[in-house]
Amino acid sequence: MPAARRPLTPIVLASLFLLAATGTAGAQQQPVAAPAPDQPEFLPRFDFHLTIDRLLRSQTPQEELVDERFSWDTHYGGSFDLVDYVGGRATVTADYQAVLGHEFRPFDPNQANYILEASLSGRTSDRTEIAAIFHHVSRHLSDRPKAFAVAYNEVGARVMRRQTFGSTTLDVDVEGGRAVQHEYHRHRKRARQAIEQCGHRGQTTG
């Protein structure tokens, strides 16, 4: 998106960075429940995304020095169902986020976050799925020395439900887990809830 030209207060700018940091671990596409096929299918679904956001700059000279590390936020990844066995799905998700600055060059990647996830789900109804997930997150510096790892592995569960209200579809995703291995990461438990709403004109989603 284009850079904003009006000044922002430090509080608003800090809030934007906080939202970006807290959203990293779950920034991939929201998992949604999918209807069961008539028979098992191989690679029945795939979704990919790519976003590039311009980060807003601070106003003071001191904060401008810090902002040399934060100019762009790039994010891309994908999710696909390896196999749909009618009673549920085996899903793989891979996600990559890079933060770019202009400290050494115009586009200077300095931080990266990786997400790898595998899940197995079971359908309890046409609209609801329950999945067991293995979730890995690791964070890295780019072109900078870092001798220690920042990463964790998590085992958890996810509940997905799709509900329709006339021409509106509501997808709800609730998940949580516990870190079974972590390096330089203080959080041992994670919980997440996401809601996605889609409206359709002239048609009803079943």
Protein backbone atom coordinates (compact mmCIF):
# COMPACT_ATOMS: atom_id res chain seq x y z
CA MET A 1 0.00 0.00 0.00
CA PRO A 2 1.30 3.59 -0.54
CA ALA A 3 3.00 5.33 2.34
CA ALA A 4 0.74 7.55 4.40
CA ARG A 5 1.58 11.25 4.22
CA ARG A 6 -0.03 12.40 7.43
CA PRO A 7 1.98 12.13 10.66
CA LEU A 8 1.18 9.44 13.18
CA THR A 9 1.63 9.69 16.91
CA PRO A 10 4.11 7.31 18.57
CA ILE A 11 1.21 5.50 20.27
CA VAL A 12 -0.45 4.65 16.96
CA LEU A 13 2.86 3.61 15.43
CA ALA A 14 3.65 1.38 18.41
CA SER A 15 0.22 -0.21 18.08
CA LEU A 16 0.88 -1.05 14.43
CA PHE A 17 4.15 -2.77 15.30
CA LEU A 18 2.47 -4.62 18.17
CA LEU A 19 -0.25 -5.93 15.89
CA ALA A 20 2.35 -7.02 13.35
CA ALA A 21 4.38 -8.82 16.00
CA THR A 22 1.43 -10.62 17.59
CA GLY A 23 0.03 -11.63 14.22
CA THR A 24 3.23 -13.26 13.01
CA ALA A 25 2.61 -16.65 14.55
CA GLY A 26 -0.82 -16.95 12.98
CA ALA A 27 -0.56 -14.85 9.91
CA GLN A 28 -1.20 -17.58 7.42
CA GLN A 29 -4.61 -17.93 5.82
CA GLN A 30 -7.38 -18.73 8.24
CA PRO A 31 -8.16 -22.47 8.19
CA VAL A 32 -11.78 -23.08 7.26
CA ALA A 33 -14.02 -26.12 7.26
CA ALA A 34 -14.50 -27.74 3.84
CA PRO A 35 -17.31 -30.01 2.64
CA ALA A 36 -16.48 -33.69 2.27
CA PRO A 37 -16.00 -35.09 -1.24
CA ASP A 38 -17.86 -38.16 -2.46
CA GLN A 39 -14.62 -40.17 -2.51
CA PRO A 40 -11.01 -39.68 -1.38
CA GLU A 41 -9.11 -37.02 -3.36
CA PHE A 42 -5.41 -36.20 -3.76
CA LEU A 43 -4.45 -32.49 -3.60
CA PRO A 44 -8.06 -31.25 -3.76
CA ARG A 45 -7.31 -27.74 -2.43
CA PHE A 46 -4.54 -25.14 -2.39
CA ASP A 47 -4.47 -21.48 -1.35
CA PHE A 48 -1.60 -19.00 -1.68
CA HIS A 49 -1.15 -15.37 -0.69
CA LEU A 50 1.36 -12.54 -1.22
CA THR A 51 1.27 -9.13 0.49
CA ILE A 52 3.72 -6.21 0.60
CA ASP A 53 3.01 -3.41 3.09
CA ARG A 54 4.79 -0.08 3.44
CA LEU A 55 5.57 0.63 7.08
CA LEU A 56 4.90 4.16 8.30
CA ARG A 57 7.82 6.20 9.54
CA SER A 58 8.25 8.08 12.80
CA GLN A 59 8.73 11.82 12.99
CA THR A 60 11.61 12.46 15.41
CA PRO A 61 15.29 12.14 14.30
CA GLN A 62 15.93 9.56 17.04
CA GLU A 63 13.06 7.37 15.91
CA GLU A 64 14.06 7.84 12.26
CA LEU A 65 17.34 6.03 13.00
CA VAL A 66 15.41 3.06 14.39
CA ASP A 67 13.07 3.14 11.40
CA GLU A 68 15.98 2.34 9.06
CA ARG A 69 15.25 -1.29 9.99
CA PHE A 70 11.49 -1.09 9.30
CA SER A 71 10.45 0.05 5.82
CA TRP A 72 8.55 -2.88 4.30
CA ASP A 73 6.65 -5.91 5.59
CA THR A 74 6.45 -8.73 3.04
CA HIS A 75 4.43 -11.87 3.59
CA TYR A 76 3.76 -14.90 1.41
CA GLY A 77 2.89 -18.53 1.86
CA GLY A 78 0.43 -21.25 1.09
CA SER A 79 -1.72 -24.03 2.43
CA PHE A 80 -2.83 -27.19 0.67
CA ASP A 81 -4.68 -30.40 1.44
CA LEU A 82 -2.37 -33.30 0.69
CA VAL A 83 -5.27 -35.74 0.75
CA ASP A 84 -8.95 -35.57 1.63
CA TYR A 85 -10.01 -38.97 2.96
CA VAL A 86 -13.74 -38.00 3.21
CA GLY A 87 -13.74 -38.30 6.99
CA GLY A 88 -11.15 -35.51 7.23
CA ARG A 89 -8.06 -33.96 5.62
CA ALA A 90 -4.28 -34.01 5.85
CA THR A 91 -3.13 -30.40 5.45
CA VAL A 92 0.29 -28.75 5.11
CA THR A 93 0.93 -25.03 5.61
CA ALA A 94 4.13 -23.07 4.93
CA ASP A 95 4.46 -19.36 5.56
CA TYR A 96 7.28 -16.78 5.31
CA GLN A 97 7.41 -13.18 6.50
CA ALA A 98 10.33 -10.80 5.89
CA VAL A 99 10.81 -7.32 7.32
CA LEU A 100 12.87 -4.99 5.11
CA GLY A 101 14.61 -1.76 5.98
CA HIS A 102 16.98 0.63 4.20
CA GLU A 103 19.92 0.50 6.60
CA PHE A 104 22.53 -0.90 4.14
CA ARG A 105 20.64 -0.87 0.81
CA PRO A 106 17.25 0.38 -0.49
CA PHE A 107 15.59 -3.02 0.16
CA ASP A 108 17.44 -4.61 3.07
CA PRO A 109 15.88 -7.78 4.60
CA ASN A 110 16.82 -7.88 8.26
CA GLN A 111 14.25 -10.17 9.94
CA ALA A 112 12.41 -13.30 8.82
CA ASN A 113 9.75 -15.52 10.37
CA TYR A 114 8.98 -19.05 9.19
CA ILE A 115 5.87 -21.09 9.93
CA LEU A 116 5.55 -24.80 9.09
CA GLU A 117 2.46 -26.74 10.08
CA ALA A 118 0.95 -30.18 9.50
CA SER A 119 -2.55 -31.17 10.58
CA LEU A 120 -4.96 -34.10 10.46
CA SER A 121 -8.65 -33.36 10.77
CA GLY A 122 -11.84 -35.30 11.33
CA ARG A 123 -15.30 -34.14 10.24
CA THR A 124 -17.96 -34.25 12.93
CA SER A 125 -20.61 -32.82 10.58
CA ASP A 126 -20.93 -31.14 7.19
CA ARG A 127 -19.96 -27.82 8.77
CA THR A 128 -17.50 -28.73 11.55
CA GLU A 129 -13.97 -30.18 11.61
CA ILE A 130 -11.63 -30.93 14.51
CA ALA A 131 -7.92 -31.17 13.73
CA ALA A 132 -4.73 -32.16 15.53
CA ILE A 133 -1.88 -29.83 14.57
CA PHE A 134 1.92 -29.71 14.79
CA HIS A 135 3.01 -26.08 14.52
CA HIS A 136 6.59 -24.78 14.14
CA VAL A 137 7.69 -21.14 14.27
CA SER A 138 11.26 -19.86 13.91
CA ARG A 139 12.57 -16.31 13.73
CA HIS A 140 15.83 -15.26 12.09
CA LEU A 141 17.99 -12.25 11.35
CA SER A 142 19.05 -11.67 7.74
CA ASP A 143 22.58 -10.48 6.88
CA ARG A 144 23.22 -10.02 10.61
CA PRO A 145 25.01 -12.27 13.09
CA LYS A 146 22.81 -14.33 15.43
CA ALA A 147 24.35 -17.23 17.33
CA PHE A 148 21.20 -18.42 19.11
CA ALA A 149 17.91 -19.81 17.85
CA VAL A 150 14.46 -18.29 18.39
CA ALA A 151 11.95 -21.05 17.69
CA TYR A 152 9.33 -23.36 19.15
CA ASN A 153 7.44 -26.54 18.27
CA GLU A 154 3.83 -26.85 19.35
CA VAL A 155 1.28 -29.64 19.56
CA GLY A 156 -2.32 -28.50 19.67
CA ALA A 157 -5.86 -28.76 18.38
CA ARG A 158 -8.10 -26.72 16.09
CA VAL A 159 -11.87 -26.53 15.65
CA MET A 160 -13.26 -25.14 12.38
CA ARG A 161 -16.90 -24.40 11.65
CA ARG A 162 -18.73 -22.84 8.72
CA GLN A 163 -22.14 -21.28 9.21
CA THR A 164 -24.39 -19.61 6.65
CA PHE A 165 -26.93 -16.87 7.29
CA GLY A 166 -28.81 -16.28 4.05
CA SER A 167 -26.24 -14.84 1.62
CA THR A 168 -23.52 -14.53 4.29
CA THR A 169 -20.96 -17.21 5.16
CA LEU A 170 -19.21 -17.13 8.54
CA ASP A 171 -16.05 -19.21 9.07
CA VAL A 172 -14.87 -19.63 12.68
CA ASP A 173 -11.48 -21.04 13.68
CA VAL A 174 -10.52 -21.65 17.32
CA GLU A 175 -7.18 -23.27 18.17
CA GLY A 176 -4.70 -23.69 20.95
CA GLY A 177 -1.63 -25.67 21.86
CA ARG A 178 1.37 -26.20 24.08
CA ALA A 179 5.03 -25.79 23.18
CA VAL A 180 6.81 -29.14 23.38
CA GLN A 181 10.20 -27.64 22.50
CA HIS A 182 11.35 -24.03 22.52
CA GLU A 183 14.54 -22.04 22.16
CA TYR A 184 14.74 -18.48 23.51
CA HIS A 185 10.93 -18.32 23.57
CA ARG A 186 9.02 -17.65 26.78
CA HIS A 187 5.49 -18.61 25.73
CA ARG A 188 4.61 -22.23 26.45
CA LYS A 189 0.93 -22.00 25.49
CA ARG A 190 -0.84 -20.37 22.57
CA ALA A 191 -4.49 -19.68 21.83
CA ARG A 192 -6.00 -18.15 18.72
CA GLN A 193 -9.46 -17.33 17.43
CA ALA A 194 -10.30 -16.07 13.96
CA ILE A 195 -13.56 -15.22 12.25
CA GLU A 196 -13.95 -14.60 8.53
CA GLN A 197 -17.14 -13.31 6.98
CA CYS A 198 -18.01 -13.48 3.30
CA GLY A 199 -21.08 -11.97 1.66
CA HIS A 200 -22.48 -13.18 -1.66
CA ARG A 201 -24.91 -11.31 -3.88
CA GLY A 202 -27.61 -13.22 -5.55
CA GLN A 203 -26.56 -16.60 -4.20
CA THR A 204 -26.64 -18.61 -1.03
CA THR A 205 -23.64 -20.59 0.16
CA GLY A 206 -24.55 -24.00 1.44
